[in-house]
């Protein structure tokens, strides 16, 4: 099980991004980190893969404390990462971008050689699963935003991960495309029993796809439970710095506009 114990993050400029936090993430669960911008979602999520180093506390996985370099490498090899801005190399083909997900399994010297045929087959299978096999040889920068994010999902899948971390994966997409991409990620994770931790700010997506919602505000966990327990009071606590007056006055359209929560 992936766990954070006493995790705190204070950035060099003095910003306290994450207060002392203790959490466990169950295998196969689809967990959503919900909150407004600056709530601490990305800091927490990136701490789970060692991209942010904690000021205090620790992150442990099946390999142990990931502060150890060898354990971190082993943890990352089984952890797929999906970013908001895709992080693709535009001049490379979809296939070549997906194959980048295999680099962590090779030594530096081995990465200078071509990928094995078996890895290319696995990459093509991942591309087919996200519905882009007809674009496998097309340059990544010739795809739409939603298609590029699906390439990012395929790149994560080719690692054969036990864990997927997705940092605001649909924030740059229109609502309809975002729903399709998030639905695709959810269905694949469930089919393959992959644990997922996904940071979002859209309340409706969190309710629709999450097994568990962790709500953050001001760097602290203010809610932790299933979507069925996320009522109006809990939503107000998560978005307390964003639209508290709108909620208290029952100004539903205004609250939805400010939080991006549309039915």
C-alpha atoms as a PDB file:
ATOM      1  CA  UNK A   1       0.000   0.000   0.000  1.00  0.00           C
ATOM      2  CA  UNK A   2       1.094   3.549  -0.758  1.00  0.00           C
ATOM      3  CA  UNK A   3       1.191   5.696   2.381  1.00  0.00           C
ATOM      4  CA  UNK A   4       2.161   9.204   3.458  1.00  0.00           C
ATOM      5  CA  UNK A   5       3.097   9.640   7.098  1.00  0.00           C
ATOM      6  CA  UNK A   6       3.459  13.049   8.715  1.00  0.00           C
ATOM      7  CA  UNK A   7       4.021  14.602   5.302  1.00  0.00           C
ATOM      8  CA  UNK A   8       4.670  18.348   5.263  1.00  0.00           C
ATOM      9  CA  UNK A   9       5.900  20.514   2.404  1.00  0.00           C
ATOM     10  CA  UNK A  10       7.207  24.051   2.830  1.00  0.00           C
ATOM     11  CA  UNK A  11       8.740  25.602  -0.268  1.00  0.00           C
ATOM     12  CA  UNK A  12      11.969  27.650  -0.099  1.00  0.00           C
ATOM     13  CA  UNK A  13      10.018  30.918  -0.356  1.00  0.00           C
ATOM     14  CA  UNK A  14       8.223  30.047   2.887  1.00  0.00           C
ATOM     15  CA  UNK A  15       4.947  28.912   1.313  1.00  0.00           C
ATOM     16  CA  UNK A  16       3.421  26.098   3.359  1.00  0.00           C
ATOM     17  CA  UNK A  17       1.924  24.009   0.583  1.00  0.00           C
ATOM     18  CA  UNK A  18       0.981  20.965   2.637  1.00  0.00           C
ATOM     19  CA  UNK A  19       0.249  20.676   6.333  1.00  0.00           C
ATOM     20  CA  UNK A  20       1.084  17.515   8.281  1.00  0.00           C
ATOM     21  CA  UNK A  21      -0.791  14.745   6.463  1.00  0.00           C
ATOM     22  CA  UNK A  22      -1.307  11.018   7.033  1.00  0.00           C
ATOM     23  CA  UNK A  23      -3.010   9.056   4.268  1.00  0.00           C
ATOM     24  CA  UNK A  24      -3.105   5.571   2.777  1.00  0.00           C
ATOM     25  CA  UNK A  25      -4.046   4.682  -0.799  1.00  0.00           C
ATOM     26  CA  UNK A  26      -5.570   1.271  -1.437  1.00  0.00           C
ATOM     27  CA  UNK A  27      -4.621  -0.908  -4.423  1.00  0.00           C
ATOM     28  CA  UNK A  28      -7.056  -0.622  -7.308  1.00  0.00           C
ATOM     29  CA  UNK A  29      -8.960   2.382  -5.930  1.00  0.00           C
ATOM     30  CA  UNK A  30      -9.695   5.470  -8.034  1.00  0.00           C
ATOM     31  CA  UNK A  31      -8.955   8.360  -5.676  1.00  0.00           C
ATOM     32  CA  UNK A  32      -9.632  11.992  -6.551  1.00  0.00           C
ATOM     33  CA  UNK A  33      -7.828  14.884  -4.877  1.00  0.00           C
ATOM     34  CA  UNK A  34     -10.392  17.673  -5.007  1.00  0.00           C
ATOM     35  CA  UNK A  35      -9.886  21.351  -4.314  1.00  0.00           C
ATOM     36  CA  UNK A  36      -9.424  24.827  -5.698  1.00  0.00           C
ATOM     37  CA  UNK A  37      -6.160  26.043  -7.227  1.00  0.00           C
ATOM     38  CA  UNK A  38      -3.480  26.336  -4.556  1.00  0.00           C
ATOM     39  CA  UNK A  39      -5.200  23.903  -2.193  1.00  0.00           C
ATOM     40  CA  UNK A  40      -2.221  21.521  -2.142  1.00  0.00           C
ATOM     41  CA  UNK A  41      -3.453  18.880  -4.600  1.00  0.00           C
ATOM     42  CA  UNK A  42      -0.487  18.970  -6.954  1.00  0.00           C
ATOM     43  CA  UNK A  43       2.004  19.138  -4.105  1.00  0.00           C
ATOM     44  CA  UNK A  44       0.516  16.052  -2.480  1.00  0.00           C
ATOM     45  CA  UNK A  45       0.258  14.160  -5.746  1.00  0.00           C
ATOM     46  CA  UNK A  46       3.812  14.974  -6.845  1.00  0.00           C
ATOM     47  CA  UNK A  47       5.102  13.951  -3.433  1.00  0.00           C
ATOM     48  CA  UNK A  48       3.755  10.462  -4.122  1.00  0.00           C
ATOM     49  CA  UNK A  49       6.282  10.071  -6.923  1.00  0.00           C
ATOM     50  CA  UNK A  50       9.193  11.964  -5.383  1.00  0.00           C
ATOM     51  CA  UNK A  51       8.826  14.943  -7.733  1.00  0.00           C
ATOM     52  CA  UNK A  52       8.380  17.095  -4.622  1.00  0.00           C
ATOM     53  CA  UNK A  53      10.603  16.348  -1.648  1.00  0.00           C
ATOM     54  CA  UNK A  54       8.828  16.588   1.723  1.00  0.00           C
ATOM     55  CA  UNK A  55      10.077  19.010   4.333  1.00  0.00           C
ATOM     56  CA  UNK A  56       9.224  16.384   6.916  1.00  0.00           C
ATOM     57  CA  UNK A  57       7.504  13.013   7.007  1.00  0.00           C
ATOM     58  CA  UNK A  58       7.814  10.269   4.441  1.00  0.00           C
ATOM     59  CA  UNK A  59       6.176   8.445   1.557  1.00  0.00           C
ATOM     60  CA  UNK A  60       6.274   4.650   1.585  1.00  0.00           C
ATOM     61  CA  UNK A  61       5.275   2.166  -1.084  1.00  0.00           C
ATOM     62  CA  UNK A  62       5.757  -1.577  -1.481  1.00  0.00           C
ATOM     63  CA  UNK A  63       9.461  -0.908  -1.947  1.00  0.00           C
ATOM     64  CA  UNK A  64       9.697   1.023   1.354  1.00  0.00           C
ATOM     65  CA  UNK A  65      10.555   4.679   1.948  1.00  0.00           C
ATOM     66  CA  UNK A  66      10.964   6.266  -1.491  1.00  0.00           C
ATOM     67  CA  UNK A  67      13.496   8.770  -0.115  1.00  0.00           C
ATOM     68  CA  UNK A  68      16.042   6.040  -0.892  1.00  0.00           C
ATOM     69  CA  UNK A  69      17.229   6.487  -4.504  1.00  0.00           C
ATOM     70  CA  UNK A  70      17.044   2.802  -5.451  1.00  0.00           C
ATOM     71  CA  UNK A  71      13.576   2.462  -3.941  1.00  0.00           C
ATOM     72  CA  UNK A  72      12.446   5.634  -5.698  1.00  0.00           C
ATOM     73  CA  UNK A  73      13.617   4.280  -9.053  1.00  0.00           C
ATOM     74  CA  UNK A  74      11.765   1.018  -8.459  1.00  0.00           C
ATOM     75  CA  UNK A  75       8.623   2.922  -7.378  1.00  0.00           C
ATOM     76  CA  UNK A  76       8.710   5.198 -10.412  1.00  0.00           C
ATOM     77  CA  UNK A  77       9.125   2.284 -12.806  1.00  0.00           C
ATOM     78  CA  UNK A  78       5.695   1.029 -11.700  1.00  0.00           C
ATOM     79  CA  UNK A  79       4.084   4.460 -11.483  1.00  0.00           C
ATOM     80  CA  UNK A  80       2.597   6.077 -14.578  1.00  0.00           C
ATOM     81  CA  UNK A  81       2.454   9.879 -14.547  1.00  0.00           C
ATOM     82  CA  UNK A  82      -0.048  11.920 -16.557  1.00  0.00           C
ATOM     83  CA  UNK A  83       0.415  15.693 -16.693  1.00  0.00           C
ATOM     84  CA  UNK A  84      -1.920  18.592 -17.401  1.00  0.00           C
ATOM     85  CA  UNK A  85       0.094  19.836 -20.391  1.00  0.00           C
ATOM     86  CA  UNK A  86       0.717  16.367 -21.853  1.00  0.00           C
ATOM     87  CA  UNK A  87       4.551  16.648 -21.790  1.00  0.00           C
ATOM     88  CA  UNK A  88       4.902  15.113 -25.242  1.00  0.00           C
ATOM     89  CA  UNK A  89       7.723  15.722 -27.721  1.00  0.00           C
ATOM     90  CA  UNK A  90       5.836  17.297 -30.589  1.00  0.00           C
ATOM     91  CA  UNK A  91       8.228  16.374 -33.395  1.00  0.00           C
ATOM     92  CA  UNK A  92       8.144  12.688 -32.470  1.00  0.00           C
ATOM     93  CA  UNK A  93       5.456  10.239 -33.533  1.00  0.00           C
ATOM     94  CA  UNK A  94       2.751   9.002 -31.207  1.00  0.00           C
ATOM     95  CA  UNK A  95       4.532   5.635 -31.095  1.00  0.00           C
ATOM     96  CA  UNK A  96       7.877   7.171 -30.151  1.00  0.00           C
ATOM     97  CA  UNK A  97       6.249   9.277 -27.424  1.00  0.00           C
ATOM     98  CA  UNK A  98       4.575   6.212 -25.933  1.00  0.00           C
ATOM     99  CA  UNK A  99       7.841   4.273 -26.016  1.00  0.00           C
ATOM    100  CA  UNK A 100       9.381   6.951 -23.786  1.00  0.00           C
ATOM    101  CA  UNK A 101       7.403   5.270 -21.003  1.00  0.00           C
ATOM    102  CA  UNK A 102       9.812   2.327 -21.286  1.00  0.00           C
ATOM    103  CA  UNK A 103      13.000   4.342 -20.730  1.00  0.00           C
ATOM    104  CA  UNK A 104      12.918   3.846 -16.969  1.00  0.00           C
ATOM    105  CA  UNK A 105      13.363   0.113 -17.453  1.00  0.00           C
ATOM    106  CA  UNK A 106      16.729   0.486 -19.180  1.00  0.00           C
ATOM    107  CA  UNK A 107      20.215   1.591 -18.209  1.00  0.00           C
ATOM    108  CA  UNK A 108      21.531   4.852 -19.639  1.00  0.00           C
ATOM    109  CA  UNK A 109      23.689   2.957 -22.135  1.00  0.00           C
ATOM    110  CA  UNK A 110      20.777   0.739 -23.235  1.00  0.00           C
ATOM    111  CA  UNK A 111      18.619   3.786 -24.022  1.00  0.00           C
ATOM    112  CA  UNK A 112      21.011   4.608 -26.883  1.00  0.00           C
ATOM    113  CA  UNK A 113      19.876   1.465 -28.706  1.00  0.00           C
ATOM    114  CA  UNK A 114      16.541   0.928 -30.502  1.00  0.00           C
ATOM    115  CA  UNK A 115      13.605  -0.409 -28.515  1.00  0.00           C
ATOM    116  CA  UNK A 116      12.983  -4.137 -28.701  1.00  0.00           C
ATOM    117  CA  UNK A 117      10.246  -5.446 -30.983  1.00  0.00           C
ATOM    118  CA  UNK A 118       8.304  -6.679 -27.957  1.00  0.00           C
ATOM    119  CA  UNK A 119       8.273  -3.171 -26.476  1.00  0.00           C
ATOM    120  CA  UNK A 120       7.058  -1.717 -29.764  1.00  0.00           C
ATOM    121  CA  UNK A 121       4.208  -4.237 -29.793  1.00  0.00           C
ATOM    122  CA  UNK A 122       3.296  -3.281 -26.224  1.00  0.00           C
ATOM    123  CA  UNK A 123       3.326   0.400 -27.174  1.00  0.00           C
ATOM    124  CA  UNK A 124       1.051  -0.237 -30.157  1.00  0.00           C
ATOM    125  CA  UNK A 125      -1.318  -2.195 -27.933  1.00  0.00           C
ATOM    126  CA  UNK A 126      -1.448   0.742 -25.500  1.00  0.00           C
ATOM    127  CA  UNK A 127      -2.114   3.160 -28.364  1.00  0.00           C
ATOM    128  CA  UNK A 128      -4.919   0.931 -29.601  1.00  0.00           C
ATOM    129  CA  UNK A 129      -6.496   0.876 -26.137  1.00  0.00           C
ATOM    130  CA  UNK A 130      -6.794   4.661 -26.130  1.00  0.00           C
ATOM    131  CA  UNK A 131      -8.311   4.638 -29.624  1.00  0.00           C
ATOM    132  CA  UNK A 132      -5.421   6.190 -31.548  1.00  0.00           C
ATOM    133  CA  UNK A 133      -3.915   3.278 -33.491  1.00  0.00           C
ATOM    134  CA  UNK A 134      -4.596   5.074 -36.799  1.00  0.00           C
ATOM    135  CA  UNK A 135      -2.391   7.945 -35.570  1.00  0.00           C
ATOM    136  CA  UNK A 136       0.519   5.821 -34.313  1.00  0.00           C
ATOM    137  CA  UNK A 137       2.991   7.225 -36.853  1.00  0.00           C
ATOM    138  CA  UNK A 138       1.678  10.789 -36.846  1.00  0.00           C
ATOM    139  CA  UNK A 139       3.611  13.597 -35.136  1.00  0.00           C
ATOM    140  CA  UNK A 140       2.251  14.295 -31.681  1.00  0.00           C
ATOM    141  CA  UNK A 141       1.940  18.039 -32.347  1.00  0.00           C
ATOM    142  CA  UNK A 142      -0.552  17.313 -35.132  1.00  0.00           C
ATOM    143  CA  UNK A 143      -3.104  15.916 -32.656  1.00  0.00           C
ATOM    144  CA  UNK A 144      -5.826  17.729 -30.743  1.00  0.00           C
ATOM    145  CA  UNK A 145      -5.481  18.402 -27.022  1.00  0.00           C
ATOM    146  CA  UNK A 146      -7.723  15.487 -26.105  1.00  0.00           C
ATOM    147  CA  UNK A 147      -5.822  13.137 -28.406  1.00  0.00           C
ATOM    148  CA  UNK A 148      -2.509  14.267 -26.936  1.00  0.00           C
ATOM    149  CA  UNK A 149      -3.780  13.507 -23.450  1.00  0.00           C
ATOM    150  CA  UNK A 150      -4.773  10.028 -24.628  1.00  0.00           C
ATOM    151  CA  UNK A 151      -1.188   9.591 -25.831  1.00  0.00           C
ATOM    152  CA  UNK A 152      -0.138  10.512 -22.298  1.00  0.00           C
ATOM    153  CA  UNK A 153      -2.391   7.771 -20.942  1.00  0.00           C
ATOM    154  CA  UNK A 154      -0.893   5.251 -23.388  1.00  0.00           C
ATOM    155  CA  UNK A 155       2.618   6.294 -22.341  1.00  0.00           C
ATOM    156  CA  UNK A 156       1.682   5.570 -18.727  1.00  0.00           C
ATOM    157  CA  UNK A 157       0.088   2.226 -19.662  1.00  0.00           C
ATOM    158  CA  UNK A 158       3.186   0.944 -21.456  1.00  0.00           C
ATOM    159  CA  UNK A 159       4.943   0.938 -18.085  1.00  0.00           C
ATOM    160  CA  UNK A 160       2.459  -1.728 -16.938  1.00  0.00           C
ATOM    161  CA  UNK A 161       1.924   0.345 -13.806  1.00  0.00           C
ATOM    162  CA  UNK A 162       0.367  -0.624 -10.516  1.00  0.00           C
ATOM    163  CA  UNK A 163      -0.231   3.079  -9.816  1.00  0.00           C
ATOM    164  CA  UNK A 164      -1.192   6.034 -12.012  1.00  0.00           C
ATOM    165  CA  UNK A 165      -0.804   9.629 -10.841  1.00  0.00           C
ATOM    166  CA  UNK A 166      -2.645  12.244 -12.905  1.00  0.00           C
ATOM    167  CA  UNK A 167      -2.065  15.922 -12.135  1.00  0.00           C
ATOM    168  CA  UNK A 168      -5.074  17.946 -13.378  1.00  0.00           C
ATOM    169  CA  UNK A 169      -5.208  15.771 -16.525  1.00  0.00           C
ATOM    170  CA  UNK A 170      -8.297  17.437 -18.020  1.00  0.00           C
ATOM    171  CA  UNK A 171      -7.881  21.045 -16.865  1.00  0.00           C
ATOM    172  CA  UNK A 172      -6.889  22.277 -20.341  1.00  0.00           C
ATOM    173  CA  UNK A 173      -9.698  20.450 -22.164  1.00  0.00           C
ATOM    174  CA  UNK A 174     -13.257  21.486 -22.950  1.00  0.00           C
ATOM    175  CA  UNK A 175     -15.910  19.822 -20.730  1.00  0.00           C
ATOM    176  CA  UNK A 176     -17.035  17.191 -23.255  1.00  0.00           C
ATOM    177  CA  UNK A 177     -13.482  16.159 -24.174  1.00  0.00           C
ATOM    178  CA  UNK A 178     -12.476  16.192 -20.510  1.00  0.00           C
ATOM    179  CA  UNK A 179     -15.304  13.802 -19.666  1.00  0.00           C
ATOM    180  CA  UNK A 180     -14.290  11.389 -22.438  1.00  0.00           C
ATOM    181  CA  UNK A 181     -10.600  11.423 -21.436  1.00  0.00           C
ATOM    182  CA  UNK A 182     -11.343  10.990 -17.741  1.00  0.00           C
ATOM    183  CA  UNK A 183     -13.853   8.240 -18.491  1.00  0.00           C
ATOM    184  CA  UNK A 184     -11.240   6.437 -20.592  1.00  0.00           C
ATOM    185  CA  UNK A 185      -8.646   6.669 -17.821  1.00  0.00           C
ATOM    186  CA  UNK A 186     -11.170   5.424 -15.252  1.00  0.00           C
ATOM    187  CA  UNK A 187     -12.275   2.436 -17.356  1.00  0.00           C
ATOM    188  CA  UNK A 188      -8.690   1.346 -18.076  1.00  0.00           C
ATOM    189  CA  UNK A 189      -7.646   1.625 -14.438  1.00  0.00           C
ATOM    190  CA  UNK A 190     -10.642  -0.431 -13.347  1.00  0.00           C
ATOM    191  CA  UNK A 191     -10.124  -3.055 -16.052  1.00  0.00           C
ATOM    192  CA  UNK A 192      -6.447  -3.479 -15.117  1.00  0.00           C
ATOM    193  CA  UNK A 193      -6.883  -3.047 -11.335  1.00  0.00           C
ATOM    194  CA  UNK A 194      -4.550  -0.043 -11.375  1.00  0.00           C
ATOM    195  CA  UNK A 195      -4.679   2.303  -8.392  1.00  0.00           C
ATOM    196  CA  UNK A 196      -5.154   5.909  -9.513  1.00  0.00           C
ATOM    197  CA  UNK A 197      -4.702   9.208  -7.705  1.00  0.00           C
ATOM    198  CA  UNK A 198      -6.087  12.055  -9.797  1.00  0.00           C
ATOM    199  CA  UNK A 199      -6.112  15.735  -8.869  1.00  0.00           C
ATOM    200  CA  UNK A 200      -9.158  17.671 -10.089  1.00  0.00           C
ATOM    201  CA  UNK A 201     -11.038  20.846  -9.354  1.00  0.00           C
ATOM    202  CA  UNK A 202     -14.284  19.785 -11.082  1.00  0.00           C
ATOM    203  CA  UNK A 203     -16.755  18.579  -8.469  1.00  0.00           C
ATOM    204  CA  UNK A 204     -19.019  16.779 -10.935  1.00  0.00           C
ATOM    205  CA  UNK A 205     -16.170  14.662 -12.325  1.00  0.00           C
ATOM    206  CA  UNK A 206     -15.057  13.772  -8.810  1.00  0.00           C
ATOM    207  CA  UNK A 207     -18.545  12.593  -7.891  1.00  0.00           C
ATOM    208  CA  UNK A 208     -18.925  10.638 -11.119  1.00  0.00           C
ATOM    209  CA  UNK A 209     -15.659   8.724 -11.173  1.00  0.00           C
ATOM    210  CA  UNK A 210     -14.109   8.583  -7.700  1.00  0.00           C
ATOM    211  CA  UNK A 211     -14.247   5.665  -5.302  1.00  0.00           C
ATOM    212  CA  UNK A 212     -12.835   8.049  -2.725  1.00  0.00           C
ATOM    213  CA  UNK A 213     -12.526  11.822  -2.589  1.00  0.00           C
ATOM    214  CA  UNK A 214      -9.846  13.612  -0.590  1.00  0.00           C
ATOM    215  CA  UNK A 215     -10.753  17.287  -0.323  1.00  0.00           C
ATOM    216  CA  UNK A 216      -8.008  19.798   0.352  1.00  0.00           C
ATOM    217  CA  UNK A 217      -8.097  23.451   1.330  1.00  0.00           C
ATOM    218  CA  UNK A 218      -5.177  25.595   2.428  1.00  0.00           C
ATOM    219  CA  UNK A 219      -2.829  22.613   2.363  1.00  0.00           C
ATOM    220  CA  UNK A 220      -4.943  20.543   4.764  1.00  0.00           C
ATOM    221  CA  UNK A 221      -7.207  17.546   4.244  1.00  0.00           C
ATOM    222  CA  UNK A 222     -10.727  18.734   5.080  1.00  0.00           C
ATOM    223  CA  UNK A 223     -12.665  15.762   3.674  1.00  0.00           C
ATOM    224  CA  UNK A 224     -11.871  12.095   3.119  1.00  0.00           C
ATOM    225  CA  UNK A 225     -14.600   9.705   2.109  1.00  0.00           C
ATOM    226  CA  UNK A 226     -16.783   8.306  -0.684  1.00  0.00           C
ATOM    227  CA  UNK A 227     -18.672  10.661  -3.038  1.00  0.00           C
ATOM    228  CA  UNK A 228     -21.944   9.771  -1.297  1.00  0.00           C
ATOM    229  CA  UNK A 229     -20.724  11.561   1.849  1.00  0.00           C
ATOM    230  CA  UNK A 230     -19.764  14.745   0.021  1.00  0.00           C
ATOM    231  CA  UNK A 231     -22.635  17.074   0.875  1.00  0.00           C
ATOM    232  CA  UNK A 232     -23.030  20.818   0.643  1.00  0.00           C
ATOM    233  CA  UNK A 233     -21.309  21.417   3.984  1.00  0.00           C
ATOM    234  CA  UNK A 234     -18.278  19.410   2.883  1.00  0.00           C
ATOM    235  CA  UNK A 235     -18.133  21.187  -0.478  1.00  0.00           C
ATOM    236  CA  UNK A 236     -18.154  24.545   1.306  1.00  0.00           C
ATOM    237  CA  UNK A 237     -15.212  23.458   3.469  1.00  0.00           C
ATOM    238  CA  UNK A 238     -13.226  22.418   0.374  1.00  0.00           C
ATOM    239  CA  UNK A 239     -13.973  25.626  -1.538  1.00  0.00           C
ATOM    240  CA  UNK A 240     -14.063  27.894   1.518  1.00  0.00           C
ATOM    241  CA  UNK A 241     -11.555  30.346   0.049  1.00  0.00           C
ATOM    242  CA  UNK A 242     -13.302  30.474  -3.288  1.00  0.00           C
ATOM    243  CA  UNK A 243     -17.050  30.984  -3.057  1.00  0.00           C
ATOM    244  CA  UNK A 244     -18.326  30.694   0.510  1.00  0.00           C
ATOM    245  CA  UNK A 245     -20.843  33.532   0.173  1.00  0.00           C
ATOM    246  CA  UNK A 246     -22.345  32.055  -2.956  1.00  0.00           C
ATOM    247  CA  UNK A 247     -22.902  28.733  -1.215  1.00  0.00           C
ATOM    248  CA  UNK A 248     -24.327  30.236   1.949  1.00  0.00           C
ATOM    249  CA  UNK A 249     -26.786  32.281  -0.098  1.00  0.00           C
ATOM    250  CA  UNK A 250     -27.718  29.174  -2.115  1.00  0.00           C
ATOM    251  CA  UNK A 251     -26.620  30.915  -5.307  1.00  0.00           C
ATOM    252  CA  UNK A 252     -26.123  27.605  -7.101  1.00  0.00           C
ATOM    253  CA  UNK A 253     -25.371  28.913 -10.627  1.00  0.00           C
ATOM    254  CA  UNK A 254     -22.763  31.335  -9.286  1.00  0.00           C
ATOM    255  CA  UNK A 255     -21.119  28.620  -7.178  1.00  0.00           C
ATOM    256  CA  UNK A 256     -21.042  26.266 -10.170  1.00  0.00           C
ATOM    257  CA  UNK A 257     -19.493  28.933 -12.366  1.00  0.00           C
ATOM    258  CA  UNK A 258     -16.732  29.676  -9.841  1.00  0.00           C
ATOM    259  CA  UNK A 259     -15.886  26.053  -9.070  1.00  0.00           C
ATOM    260  CA  UNK A 260     -16.374  24.592 -12.532  1.00  0.00           C
ATOM    261  CA  UNK A 261     -19.025  22.213 -11.155  1.00  0.00           C
ATOM    262  CA  UNK A 262     -21.639  21.678 -13.837  1.00  0.00           C
ATOM    263  CA  UNK A 263     -24.172  18.885 -13.958  1.00  0.00           C
END
